[in-house]
PDB file of all heavy atoms in Angstrom:
ATOM      1  N   GLY A   1     109.308  99.283  94.261  1.00  0.00           N
ATOM      2  CA  GLY A   1     109.517  99.742  92.896  1.00  0.00           C
ATOM      3  C   GLY A   1     110.932 100.172  92.652  1.00  0.00           C
ATOM      4  O   GLY A   1     111.835  99.866  93.438  1.00  0.00           O
ATOM      5  N   LEU A   2     111.104 100.885  91.539  1.00  0.00           N
ATOM      6  CA  LEU A   2     112.414 101.376  91.128  1.00  0.00           C
ATOM      7  C   LEU A   2     112.473 102.878  91.364  1.00  0.00           C
ATOM      8  O   LEU A   2     111.555 103.611  90.983  1.00  0.00           O
ATOM      9  CB  LEU A   2     112.630 101.063  89.649  1.00  0.00           C
ATOM     10  CG  LEU A   2     113.878 101.659  88.989  1.00  0.00           C
ATOM     11  CD1 LEU A   2     115.135 101.086  89.605  1.00  0.00           C
ATOM     12  CD2 LEU A   2     113.837 101.402  87.488  1.00  0.00           C
ATOM     13  N   VAL A   3     113.553 103.325  91.993  1.00  0.00           N
ATOM     14  CA  VAL A   3     113.712 104.756  92.280  1.00  0.00           C
ATOM     15  C   VAL A   3     115.178 105.119  92.157  1.00  0.00           C
ATOM     16  O   VAL A   3     116.053 104.272  92.363  1.00  0.00           O
ATOM     17  CB  VAL A   3     113.169 105.074  93.691  1.00  0.00           C
ATOM     18  CG1 VAL A   3     113.985 104.381  94.768  1.00  0.00           C
ATOM     19  CG2 VAL A   3     113.078 106.573  93.934  1.00  0.00           C
ATOM     20  N   GLN A   4     115.454 106.362  91.818  1.00  0.00           N
ATOM     21  CA  GLN A   4     116.837 106.826  91.753  1.00  0.00           C
ATOM     22  C   GLN A   4     117.363 107.125  93.140  1.00  0.00           C
ATOM     23  O   GLN A   4     116.596 107.427  94.069  1.00  0.00           O
ATOM     24  CB  GLN A   4     116.928 108.075  90.883  1.00  0.00           C
ATOM     25  CG  GLN A   4     116.725 107.811  89.401  1.00  0.00           C
ATOM     26  CD  GLN A   4     117.000 109.042  88.562  1.00  0.00           C
ATOM     27  OE1 GLN A   4     116.844 110.169  89.017  1.00  0.00           O
ATOM     28  NE2 GLN A   4     117.420 108.813  87.327  1.00  0.00           N
ATOM     29  N   ALA A   5     118.661 107.053  93.266  1.00  0.00           N
ATOM     30  CA  ALA A   5     119.285 107.387  94.543  1.00  0.00           C
ATOM     31  C   ALA A   5     118.860 108.791  94.981  1.00  0.00           C
ATOM     32  O   ALA A   5     118.787 109.712  94.166  1.00  0.00           O
ATOM     33  CB  ALA A   5     120.798 107.312  94.417  1.00  0.00           C
ATOM     34  N   GLY A   6     118.562 108.906  96.270  1.00  0.00           N
ATOM     35  CA  GLY A   6     118.079 110.162  96.819  1.00  0.00           C
ATOM     36  C   GLY A   6     116.571 110.279  96.834  1.00  0.00           C
ATOM     37  O   GLY A   6     116.025 111.203  97.448  1.00  0.00           O
ATOM     38  N   GLY A   7     115.912 109.356  96.159  1.00  0.00           N
ATOM     39  CA  GLY A   7     114.456 109.377  96.082  1.00  0.00           C
ATOM     40  C   GLY A   7     113.794 108.752  97.291  1.00  0.00           C
ATOM     41  O   GLY A   7     114.455 108.363  98.272  1.00  0.00           O
ATOM     42  N   SER A   8     112.467 108.642  97.205  1.00  0.00           N
ATOM     43  CA  SER A   8     111.670 108.132  98.320  1.00  0.00           C
ATOM     44  C   SER A   8     110.673 107.088  97.829  1.00  0.00           C
ATOM     45  O   SER A   8     110.244 107.111  96.672  1.00  0.00           O
ATOM     46  CB  SER A   8     110.888 109.271  98.984  1.00  0.00           C
ATOM     47  OG  SER A   8     111.756 110.240  99.522  1.00  0.00           O
ATOM     48  N   LEU A   9     110.355 106.189  98.723  1.00  0.00           N
ATOM     49  CA  LEU A   9     109.289 105.213  98.519  1.00  0.00           C
ATOM     50  C   LEU A   9     108.580 104.992  99.835  1.00  0.00           C
ATOM     51  O   LEU A   9     109.189 105.158 100.908  1.00  0.00           O
ATOM     52  CB  LEU A   9     109.842 103.869  98.027  1.00  0.00           C
ATOM     53  CG  LEU A   9     110.259 103.729  96.566  1.00  0.00           C
ATOM     54  CD1 LEU A   9     110.926 102.376  96.349  1.00  0.00           C
ATOM     55  CD2 LEU A   9     109.088 103.907  95.635  1.00  0.00           C
ATOM     56  N   ARG A  10     107.325 104.597  99.747  1.00  0.00           N
ATOM     57  CA  ARG A  10     106.560 104.259 100.948  1.00  0.00           C
ATOM     58  C   ARG A  10     106.003 102.858 100.787  1.00  0.00           C
ATOM     59  O   ARG A  10     105.248 102.590  99.845  1.00  0.00           O
ATOM     60  CB  ARG A  10     105.414 105.235 101.171  1.00  0.00           C
ATOM     61  CG  ARG A  10     104.717 105.063 102.517  1.00  0.00           C
ATOM     62  CD  ARG A  10     103.447 105.861 102.568  1.00  0.00           C
ATOM     63  NE  ARG A  10     102.918 105.987 103.918  1.00  0.00           N
ATOM     64  CZ  ARG A  10     101.617 106.123 104.186  1.00  0.00           C
ATOM     65  NH1 ARG A  10     100.732 106.154 103.193  1.00  0.00           N
ATOM     66  NH2 ARG A  10     101.205 106.249 105.445  1.00  0.00           N
ATOM     67  N   LEU A  11     106.375 101.979 101.710  1.00  0.00           N
ATOM     68  CA  LEU A  11     105.874 100.616 101.721  1.00  0.00           C
ATOM     69  C   LEU A  11     104.705 100.519 102.686  1.00  0.00           C
ATOM     70  O   LEU A  11     104.692 101.171 103.733  1.00  0.00           O
ATOM     71  CB  LEU A  11     106.956  99.635 102.144  1.00  0.00           C
ATOM     72  CG  LEU A  11     108.257  99.644 101.339  1.00  0.00           C
ATOM     73  CD1 LEU A  11     109.196  98.558 101.860  1.00  0.00           C
ATOM     74  CD2 LEU A  11     108.006  99.485  99.866  1.00  0.00           C
ATOM     75  N   SER A  12     103.736  99.686 102.317  1.00  0.00           N
ATOM     76  CA  SER A  12     102.607  99.409 103.194  1.00  0.00           C
ATOM     77  C   SER A  12     102.475  97.911 103.376  1.00  0.00           C
ATOM     78  O   SER A  12     102.797  97.136 102.473  1.00  0.00           O
ATOM     79  CB  SER A  12     101.310  99.955 102.595  1.00  0.00           C
ATOM     80  OG  SER A  12     101.364 101.346 102.422  1.00  0.00           O
ATOM     81  N   CYS A  13     101.994  97.517 104.522  1.00  0.00           N
ATOM     82  CA  CYS A  13     101.738  96.106 104.813  1.00  0.00           C
ATOM     83  C   CYS A  13     100.406  96.009 105.540  1.00  0.00           C
ATOM     84  O   CYS A  13     100.282  96.483 106.672  1.00  0.00           O
ATOM     85  CB  CYS A  13     102.856  95.525 105.661  1.00  0.00           C
ATOM     86  SG  CYS A  13     102.514  93.847 106.246  1.00  0.00           S
ATOM     87  N   ALA A  14      99.454  95.399 104.879  1.00  0.00           N
ATOM     88  CA  ALA A  14      98.129  95.220 105.459  1.00  0.00           C
ATOM     89  C   ALA A  14      98.006  93.808 106.014  1.00  0.00           C
ATOM     90  O   ALA A  14      98.263  92.832 105.305  1.00  0.00           O
ATOM     91  CB  ALA A  14      97.057  95.472 104.410  1.00  0.00           C
ATOM     92  N   ALA A  15      97.627  93.712 107.257  1.00  0.00           N
ATOM     93  CA  ALA A  15      97.469  92.418 107.906  1.00  0.00           C
ATOM     94  C   ALA A  15      95.997  92.071 108.020  1.00  0.00           C
ATOM     95  O   ALA A  15      95.182  92.904 108.428  1.00  0.00           O
ATOM     96  CB  ALA A  15      98.106  92.463 109.289  1.00  0.00           C
ATOM     97  N   SER A  16      95.660  90.854 107.646  1.00  0.00           N
ATOM     98  CA  SER A  16      94.286  90.380 107.790  1.00  0.00           C
ATOM     99  C   SER A  16      94.277  89.162 108.693  1.00  0.00           C
ATOM    100  O   SER A  16      95.267  88.453 108.821  1.00  0.00           O
ATOM    101  CB  SER A  16      93.704  90.030 106.424  1.00  0.00           C
ATOM    102  OG  SER A  16      94.464  88.993 105.812  1.00  0.00           O
ATOM    103  N   GLY A  17      93.136  88.929 109.323  1.00  0.00           N
ATOM    104  CA  GLY A  17      93.036  87.827 110.262  1.00  0.00           C
ATOM    105  C   GLY A  17      93.028  88.328 111.686  1.00  0.00           C
ATOM    106  O   GLY A  17      93.036  89.525 111.944  1.00  0.00           O
ATOM    107  N   ASN A  18      93.043  87.408 112.626  1.00  0.00           N
ATOM    108  CA  ASN A  18      92.991  87.766 114.047  1.00  0.00           C
ATOM    109  C   ASN A  18      94.403  87.923 114.601  1.00  0.00           C
ATOM    110  O   ASN A  18      95.099  86.938 114.828  1.00  0.00           O
ATOM    111  CB  ASN A  18      92.228  86.699 114.827  1.00  0.00           C
ATOM    112  CG  ASN A  18      90.765  86.633 114.416  1.00  0.00           C
ATOM    113  OD1 ASN A  18      90.139  87.661 114.190  1.00  0.00           O
ATOM    114  ND2 ASN A  18      90.224  85.429 114.318  1.00  0.00           N
ATOM    115  N   ILE A  19      94.793  89.154 114.802  1.00  0.00           N
ATOM    116  CA  ILE A  19      96.111  89.455 115.339  1.00  0.00           C
ATOM    117  C   ILE A  19      96.010  89.661 116.835  1.00  0.00           C
ATOM    118  O   ILE A  19      95.236  90.486 117.311  1.00  0.00           O
ATOM    119  CB  ILE A  19      96.708  90.706 114.679  1.00  0.00           C
ATOM    120  CG1 ILE A  19      96.792  90.512 113.166  1.00  0.00           C
ATOM    121  CG2 ILE A  19      98.093  90.991 115.256  1.00  0.00           C
ATOM    122  CD1 ILE A  19      97.262  91.744 112.432  1.00  0.00           C
ATOM    123  N   VAL A  20      96.804  88.912 117.549  1.00  0.00           N
ATOM    124  CA  VAL A  20      96.800  88.984 119.006  1.00  0.00           C
ATOM    125  C   VAL A  20      97.667  90.150 119.460  1.00  0.00           C
ATOM    126  O   VAL A  20      98.742  90.403 118.905  1.00  0.00           O
ATOM    127  CB  VAL A  20      97.331  87.671 119.607  1.00  0.00           C
ATOM    128  CG1 VAL A  20      97.435  87.766 121.124  1.00  0.00           C
ATOM    129  CG2 VAL A  20      96.442  86.502 119.197  1.00  0.00           C
ATOM    130  N   SER A  21      97.201  90.868 120.460  1.00  0.00           N
ATOM    131  CA  SER A  21      98.011  91.908 121.082  1.00  0.00           C
ATOM    132  C   SER A  21      98.461  91.439 122.468  1.00  0.00           C
ATOM    133  O   SER A  21      97.725  90.707 123.136  1.00  0.00           O
ATOM    134  CB  SER A  21      97.212  93.194 121.216  1.00  0.00           C
ATOM    135  OG  SER A  21      97.011  93.791 119.958  1.00  0.00           O
ATOM    136  N   PRO A  22      99.668  91.817 122.877  1.00  0.00           N
ATOM    137  CA  PRO A  22     100.597  92.696 122.160  1.00  0.00           C
ATOM    138  C   PRO A  22     101.281  92.005 120.993  1.00  0.00           C
ATOM    139  O   PRO A  22     101.346  90.784 120.934  1.00  0.00           O
ATOM    140  CB  PRO A  22     101.616  93.060 123.243  1.00  0.00           C
ATOM    141  CG  PRO A  22     101.622  91.887 124.155  1.00  0.00           C
ATOM    142  CD  PRO A  22     100.211  91.389 124.171  1.00  0.00           C
ATOM    143  N   ASN A  23     101.749  92.789 120.063  1.00  0.00           N
ATOM    144  CA  ASN A  23     102.448  92.233 118.912  1.00  0.00           C
ATOM    145  C   ASN A  23     103.485  93.241 118.427  1.00  0.00           C
ATOM    146  O   ASN A  23     103.476  94.406 118.857  1.00  0.00           O
ATOM    147  CB  ASN A  23     101.468  91.903 117.786  1.00  0.00           C
ATOM    148  CG  ASN A  23     100.692  93.107 117.315  1.00  0.00           C
ATOM    149  OD1 ASN A  23     101.222  93.996 116.654  1.00  0.00           O
ATOM    150  ND2 ASN A  23      99.402  93.150 117.653  1.00  0.00           N
ATOM    151  N   ILE A  24     104.339  92.770 117.589  1.00  0.00           N
ATOM    152  CA  ILE A  24     105.355  93.625 116.974  1.00  0.00           C
ATOM    153  C   ILE A  24     105.262  93.419 115.470  1.00  0.00           C
ATOM    154  O   ILE A  24     105.296  92.275 114.995  1.00  0.00           O
ATOM    155  CB  ILE A  24     106.772  93.276 117.454  1.00  0.00           C
ATOM    156  CG1 ILE A  24     106.886  93.477 118.962  1.00  0.00           C
ATOM    157  CG2 ILE A  24     107.807  94.140 116.722  1.00  0.00           C
ATOM    158  CD1 ILE A  24     108.203  93.013 119.543  1.00  0.00           C
ATOM    159  N   MET A  25     105.135  94.507 114.750  1.00  0.00           N
ATOM    160  CA  MET A  25     105.161  94.447 113.289  1.00  0.00           C
ATOM    161  C   MET A  25     106.399  95.173 112.801  1.00  0.00           C
ATOM    162  O   MET A  25     106.902  96.092 113.450  1.00  0.00           O
ATOM    163  CB  MET A  25     103.896  95.066 112.702  1.00  0.00           C
ATOM    164  CG  MET A  25     102.638  94.318 113.074  1.00  0.00           C
ATOM    165  SD  MET A  25     101.173  94.906 112.200  1.00  0.00           S
ATOM    166  CE  MET A  25     101.481  94.255 110.536  1.00  0.00           C
ATOM    167  N   GLY A  26     106.886  94.742 111.660  1.00  0.00           N
ATOM    168  CA  GLY A  26     108.105  95.380 111.191  1.00  0.00           C
ATOM    169  C   GLY A  26     108.473  94.996 109.787  1.00  0.00           C
ATOM    170  O   GLY A  26     107.724  94.301 109.093  1.00  0.00           O
ATOM    171  N   TRP A  27     109.619  95.493 109.397  1.00  0.00           N
ATOM    172  CA  TRP A  27     110.159  95.271 108.064  1.00  0.00           C
ATOM    173  C   TRP A  27     111.566  94.696 108.163  1.00  0.00           C
ATOM    174  O   TRP A  27     112.381  95.156 108.965  1.00  0.00           O
ATOM    175  CB  TRP A  27     110.204  96.587 107.291  1.00  0.00           C
ATOM    176  CG  TRP A  27     108.846  97.149 107.009  1.00  0.00           C
ATOM    177  CD1 TRP A  27     108.152  98.042 107.773  1.00  0.00           C
ATOM    178  CD2 TRP A  27     108.014  96.845 105.888  1.00  0.00           C
ATOM    179  NE1 TRP A  27     106.938  98.298 107.193  1.00  0.00           N
ATOM    180  CE2 TRP A  27     106.824  97.580 106.035  1.00  0.00           C
ATOM    181  CE3 TRP A  27     108.144  96.025 104.764  1.00  0.00           C
ATOM    182  CZ2 TRP A  27     105.789  97.512 105.102  1.00  0.00           C
ATOM    183  CZ3 TRP A  27     107.122  95.956 103.849  1.00  0.00           C
ATOM    184  CH2 TRP A  27     105.960  96.697 104.014  1.00  0.00           C
ATOM    185  N   TYR A  28     111.807  93.717 107.317  1.00  0.00           N
ATOM    186  CA  TYR A  28     113.132  93.141 107.143  1.00  0.00           C
ATOM    187  C   TYR A  28     113.462  93.208 105.662  1.00  0.00           C
ATOM    188  O   TYR A  28     112.576  93.395 104.836  1.00  0.00           O
ATOM    189  CB  TYR A  28     113.162  91.692 107.628  1.00  0.00           C
ATOM    190  CG  TYR A  28     113.005  91.551 109.126  1.00  0.00           C
ATOM    191  CD1 TYR A  28     111.786  91.795 109.758  1.00  0.00           C
ATOM    192  CD2 TYR A  28     114.091  91.192 109.924  1.00  0.00           C
ATOM    193  CE1 TYR A  28     111.644  91.680 111.122  1.00  0.00           C
ATOM    194  CE2 TYR A  28     113.957  91.063 111.298  1.00  0.00           C
ATOM    195  CZ  TYR A  28     112.734  91.304 111.886  1.00  0.00           C
ATOM    196  OH  TYR A  28     112.613  91.189 113.252  1.00  0.00           O
ATOM    197  N   ARG A  29     114.726  93.033 105.334  1.00  0.00           N
ATOM    198  CA  ARG A  29     115.093  93.036 103.922  1.00  0.00           C
ATOM    199  C   ARG A  29     116.188  92.027 103.653  1.00  0.00           C
ATOM    200  O   ARG A  29     116.971  91.691 104.540  1.00  0.00           O
ATOM    201  CB  ARG A  29     115.534  94.424 103.464  1.00  0.00           C
ATOM    202  CG  ARG A  29     116.816  94.922 104.101  1.00  0.00           C
ATOM    203  CD  ARG A  29     117.082  96.376 103.702  1.00  0.00           C
ATOM    204  NE  ARG A  29     118.323  96.877 104.265  1.00  0.00           N
ATOM    205  CZ  ARG A  29     118.711  98.158 104.201  1.00  0.00           C
ATOM    206  NH1 ARG A  29     117.934  99.064 103.581  1.00  0.00           N
ATOM    207  NH2 ARG A  29     119.861  98.522 104.722  1.00  0.00           N
ATOM    208  N   ARG A  30     116.228  91.563 102.403  1.00  0.00           N
ATOM    209  CA  ARG A  30     117.276  90.661 101.967  1.00  0.00           C
ATOM    210  C   ARG A  30     117.836  91.176 100.654  1.00  0.00           C
ATOM    211  O   ARG A  30     117.124  91.209  99.648  1.00  0.00           O
ATOM    212  CB  ARG A  30     116.775  89.232 101.803  1.00  0.00           C
ATOM    213  CG  ARG A  30     117.848  88.272 101.260  1.00  0.00           C
ATOM    214  CD  ARG A  30     117.333  86.859 101.211  1.00  0.00           C
ATOM    215  NE  ARG A  30     117.272  86.277 102.536  1.00  0.00           N
ATOM    216  CZ  ARG A  30     116.495  85.242 102.857  1.00  0.00           C
ATOM    217  NH1 ARG A  30     115.698  84.715 101.952  1.00  0.00           N
ATOM    218  NH2 ARG A  30     116.516  84.764 104.073  1.00  0.00           N
ATOM    219  N   ALA A  31     119.087  91.593 100.702  1.00  0.00           N
ATOM    220  CA  ALA A  31     119.772  92.051  99.503  1.00  0.00           C
ATOM    221  C   ALA A  31     120.387  90.854  98.794  1.00  0.00           C
ATOM    222  O   ALA A  31     120.628  89.811  99.424  1.00  0.00           O
ATOM    223  CB  ALA A  31     120.852  93.057  99.876  1.00  0.00           C
ATOM    224  N   PRO A  32     120.647  90.967  97.504  1.00  0.00           N
ATOM    225  CA  PRO A  32     121.242  89.852  96.761  1.00  0.00           C
ATOM    226  C   PRO A  32     122.538  89.378  97.402  1.00  0.00           C
ATOM    227  O   PRO A  32     123.427  90.179  97.697  1.00  0.00           O
ATOM    228  CB  PRO A  32     121.501  90.454  95.381  1.00  0.00           C
ATOM    229  CG  PRO A  32     120.508  91.548  95.257  1.00  0.00           C
ATOM    230  CD  PRO A  32     120.358  92.116  96.633  1.00  0.00           C
ATOM    231  N   GLY A  33     122.621  88.076  97.661  1.00  0.00           N
ATOM    232  CA  GLY A  33     123.830  87.500  98.228  1.00  0.00           C
ATOM    233  C   GLY A  33     124.024  87.731  99.705  1.00  0.00           C
ATOM    234  O   GLY A  33     125.070  87.387 100.266  1.00  0.00           O
ATOM    235  N   LYS A  34     123.029  88.314 100.366  1.00  0.00           N
ATOM    236  CA  LYS A  34     123.154  88.604 101.797  1.00  0.00           C
ATOM    237  C   LYS A  34     122.024  87.953 102.580  1.00  0.00           C
ATOM    238  O   LYS A  34     121.021  87.530 102.024  1.00  0.00           O
ATOM    239  CB  LYS A  34     123.158  90.117 102.032  1.00  0.00           C
ATOM    240  CG  LYS A  34     124.341  90.841 101.428  1.00  0.00           C
ATOM    241  CD  LYS A  34     124.338  92.302 101.832  1.00  0.00           C
ATOM    242  CE  LYS A  34     125.562  93.020 101.278  1.00  0.00           C
ATOM    243  NZ  LYS A  34     125.570  94.460 101.678  1.00  0.00           N
ATOM    244  N   GLN A  35     122.217  87.897 103.882  1.00  0.00           N
ATOM    245  CA  GLN A  35     121.186  87.354 104.750  1.00  0.00           C
ATOM    246  C   GLN A  35     120.109  88.408 105.011  1.00  0.00           C
ATOM    247  O   GLN A  35     120.350  89.614 104.902  1.00  0.00           O
ATOM    248  CB  GLN A  35     121.804  86.896 106.077  1.00  0.00           C
ATOM    249  CG  GLN A  35     122.715  85.690 105.942  1.00  0.00           C
ATOM    250  CD  GLN A  35     123.159  85.155 107.291  1.00  0.00           C
ATOM    251  OE1 GLN A  35     123.207  85.893 108.266  1.00  0.00           O
ATOM    252  NE2 GLN A  35     123.471  83.879 107.348  1.00  0.00           N
ATOM    253  N   ARG A  36     118.944  87.925 105.390  1.00  0.00           N
ATOM    254  CA  ARG A  36     117.863  88.841 105.736  1.00  0.00           C
ATOM    255  C   ARG A  36     118.256  89.625 106.987  1.00  0.00           C
ATOM    256  O   ARG A  36     118.824  89.065 107.934  1.00  0.00           O
ATOM    257  CB  ARG A  36     116.580  88.064 105.973  1.00  0.00           C
ATOM    258  CG  ARG A  36     115.365  88.926 106.232  1.00  0.00           C
ATOM    259  CD  ARG A  36     114.098  88.110 106.100  1.00  0.00           C
ATOM    260  NE  ARG A  36     114.064  86.956 106.968  1.00  0.00           N
ATOM    261  CZ  ARG A  36     113.206  85.952 106.851  1.00  0.00           C
ATOM    262  NH1 ARG A  36     112.311  85.975 105.883  1.00  0.00           N
ATOM    263  NH2 ARG A  36     113.250  84.940 107.695  1.00  0.00           N
ATOM    264  N   GLU A  37     117.935  90.899 107.009  1.00  0.00           N
ATOM    265  CA  GLU A  37     118.296  91.743 108.148  1.00  0.00           C
ATOM    266  C   GLU A  37     117.119  92.619 108.559  1.00  0.00           C
ATOM    267  O   GLU A  37     116.233  92.939 107.762  1.00  0.00           O
ATOM    268  CB  GLU A  37     119.483  92.642 107.787  1.00  0.00           C
ATOM    269  CG  GLU A  37     119.212  93.634 106.676  1.00  0.00           C
ATOM    270  CD  GLU A  37     120.384  94.569 106.399  1.00  0.00           C
ATOM    271  OE1 GLU A  37     121.441  94.431 107.021  1.00  0.00           O
ATOM    272  OE2 GLU A  37     120.225  95.459 105.532  1.00  0.00           O
ATOM    273  N   LEU A  38     117.152  93.006 109.818  1.00  0.00           N
ATOM    274  CA  LEU A  38     116.140  93.901 110.363  1.00  0.00           C
ATOM    275  C   LEU A  38     116.269  95.284 109.739  1.00  0.00           C
ATOM    276  O   LEU A  38     117.384  95.795 109.571  1.00  0.00           O
ATOM    277  CB  LEU A  38     116.319  94.015 111.877  1.00  0.00           C
ATOM    278  CG  LEU A  38     115.558  95.131 112.585  1.00  0.00           C
ATOM    279  CD1 LEU A  38     114.089  94.760 112.687  1.00  0.00           C
ATOM    280  CD2 LEU A  38     116.154  95.412 113.946  1.00  0.00           C
ATOM    281  N   VAL A  39     115.120  95.881 109.407  1.00  0.00           N
ATOM    282  CA  VAL A  39     115.098  97.281 108.988  1.00  0.00           C
ATOM    283  C   VAL A  39     114.501  98.134 110.115  1.00  0.00           C
ATOM    284  O   VAL A  39     115.132  99.067 110.596  1.00  0.00           O
ATOM    285  CB  VAL A  39     114.283  97.463 107.698  1.00  0.00           C
ATOM    286  CG1 VAL A  39     114.203  98.946 107.327  1.00  0.00           C
ATOM    287  CG2 VAL A  39     114.888  96.646 106.558  1.00  0.00           C
ATOM    288  N   ALA A  40     113.278  97.794 110.513  1.00  0.00           N
ATOM    289  CA  ALA A  40     112.618  98.556 111.572  1.00  0.00           C
ATOM    290  C   ALA A  40     111.455  97.753 112.119  1.00  0.00           C
ATOM    291  O   ALA A  40     110.840  96.969 111.392  1.00  0.00           O
ATOM    292  CB  ALA A  40     112.115  99.898 111.050  1.00  0.00           C
ATOM    293  N   THR A  41     111.155  97.947 113.400  1.00  0.00           N
ATOM    294  CA  THR A  41     109.997  97.314 114.007  1.00  0.00           C
ATOM    295  C   THR A  41     109.243  98.329 114.848  1.00  0.00           C
ATOM    296  O   THR A  41     109.824  99.326 115.320  1.00  0.00           O
ATOM    297  CB  THR A  41     110.383  96.123 114.905  1.00  0.00           C
ATOM    298  OG1 THR A  41     111.231  96.592 115.966  1.00  0.00           O
ATOM    299  CG2 THR A  41     111.084  95.033 114.119  1.00  0.00           C
ATOM    300  N   ILE A  42     107.960  98.054 115.042  1.00  0.00           N
ATOM    301  CA  ILE A  42     107.120  98.902 115.889  1.00  0.00           C
ATOM    302  C   ILE A  42     106.149  97.998 116.618  1.00  0.00           C
ATOM    303  O   ILE A  42     105.491  97.147 116.015  1.00  0.00           O
ATOM    304  CB  ILE A  42     106.392  99.984 115.067  1.00  0.00           C
ATOM    305  CG1 ILE A  42     105.566 100.886 115.971  1.00  0.00           C
ATOM    306  CG2 ILE A  42     105.564  99.390 113.942  1.00  0.00           C
ATOM    307  CD1 ILE A  42     105.047 102.146 115.264  1.00  0.00           C
ATOM    308  N   SER A  43     106.053  98.186 117.928  1.00  0.00           N
ATOM    309  CA  SER A  43     105.167  97.352 118.717  1.00  0.00           C
ATOM    310  C   SER A  43     103.757  97.917 118.701  1.00  0.00           C
ATOM    311  O   SER A  43     103.528  99.075 118.315  1.00  0.00           O
ATOM    312  CB  SER A  43     105.676  97.262 120.159  1.00  0.00           C
ATOM    313  OG  SER A  43     105.462  98.482 120.823  1.00  0.00           O
ATOM    314  N   SER A  44     102.799  97.116 119.163  1.00  0.00           N
ATOM    315  CA  SER A  44     101.422  97.587 119.249  1.00  0.00           C
ATOM    316  C   SER A  44     101.305  98.730 120.253  1.00  0.00           C
ATOM    317  O   SER A  44     100.359  99.511 120.194  1.00  0.00           O
ATOM    318  CB  SER A  44     100.490  96.442 119.628  1.00  0.00           C
ATOM    319  OG  SER A  44     100.995  95.733 120.749  1.00  0.00           O
ATOM    320  N   GLY A  45     102.275  98.843 121.134  1.00  0.00           N
ATOM    321  CA  GLY A  45     102.306  99.948 122.089  1.00  0.00           C
ATOM    322  C   GLY A  45     103.063 101.159 121.582  1.00  0.00           C
ATOM    323  O   GLY A  45     103.157 102.165 122.283  1.00  0.00           O
TER     324      GLY A  45
END
């Protein structure tokens, strides 16, 4: 969504289907005119 600088947001990602463990889930982002980049990852462990 839209937020002012200094504010907060919480993103959620729900996965459906058969997910094999171990696995790594995470977030990436792509800003206008830039390449996609890593934000954060977390493993099943």
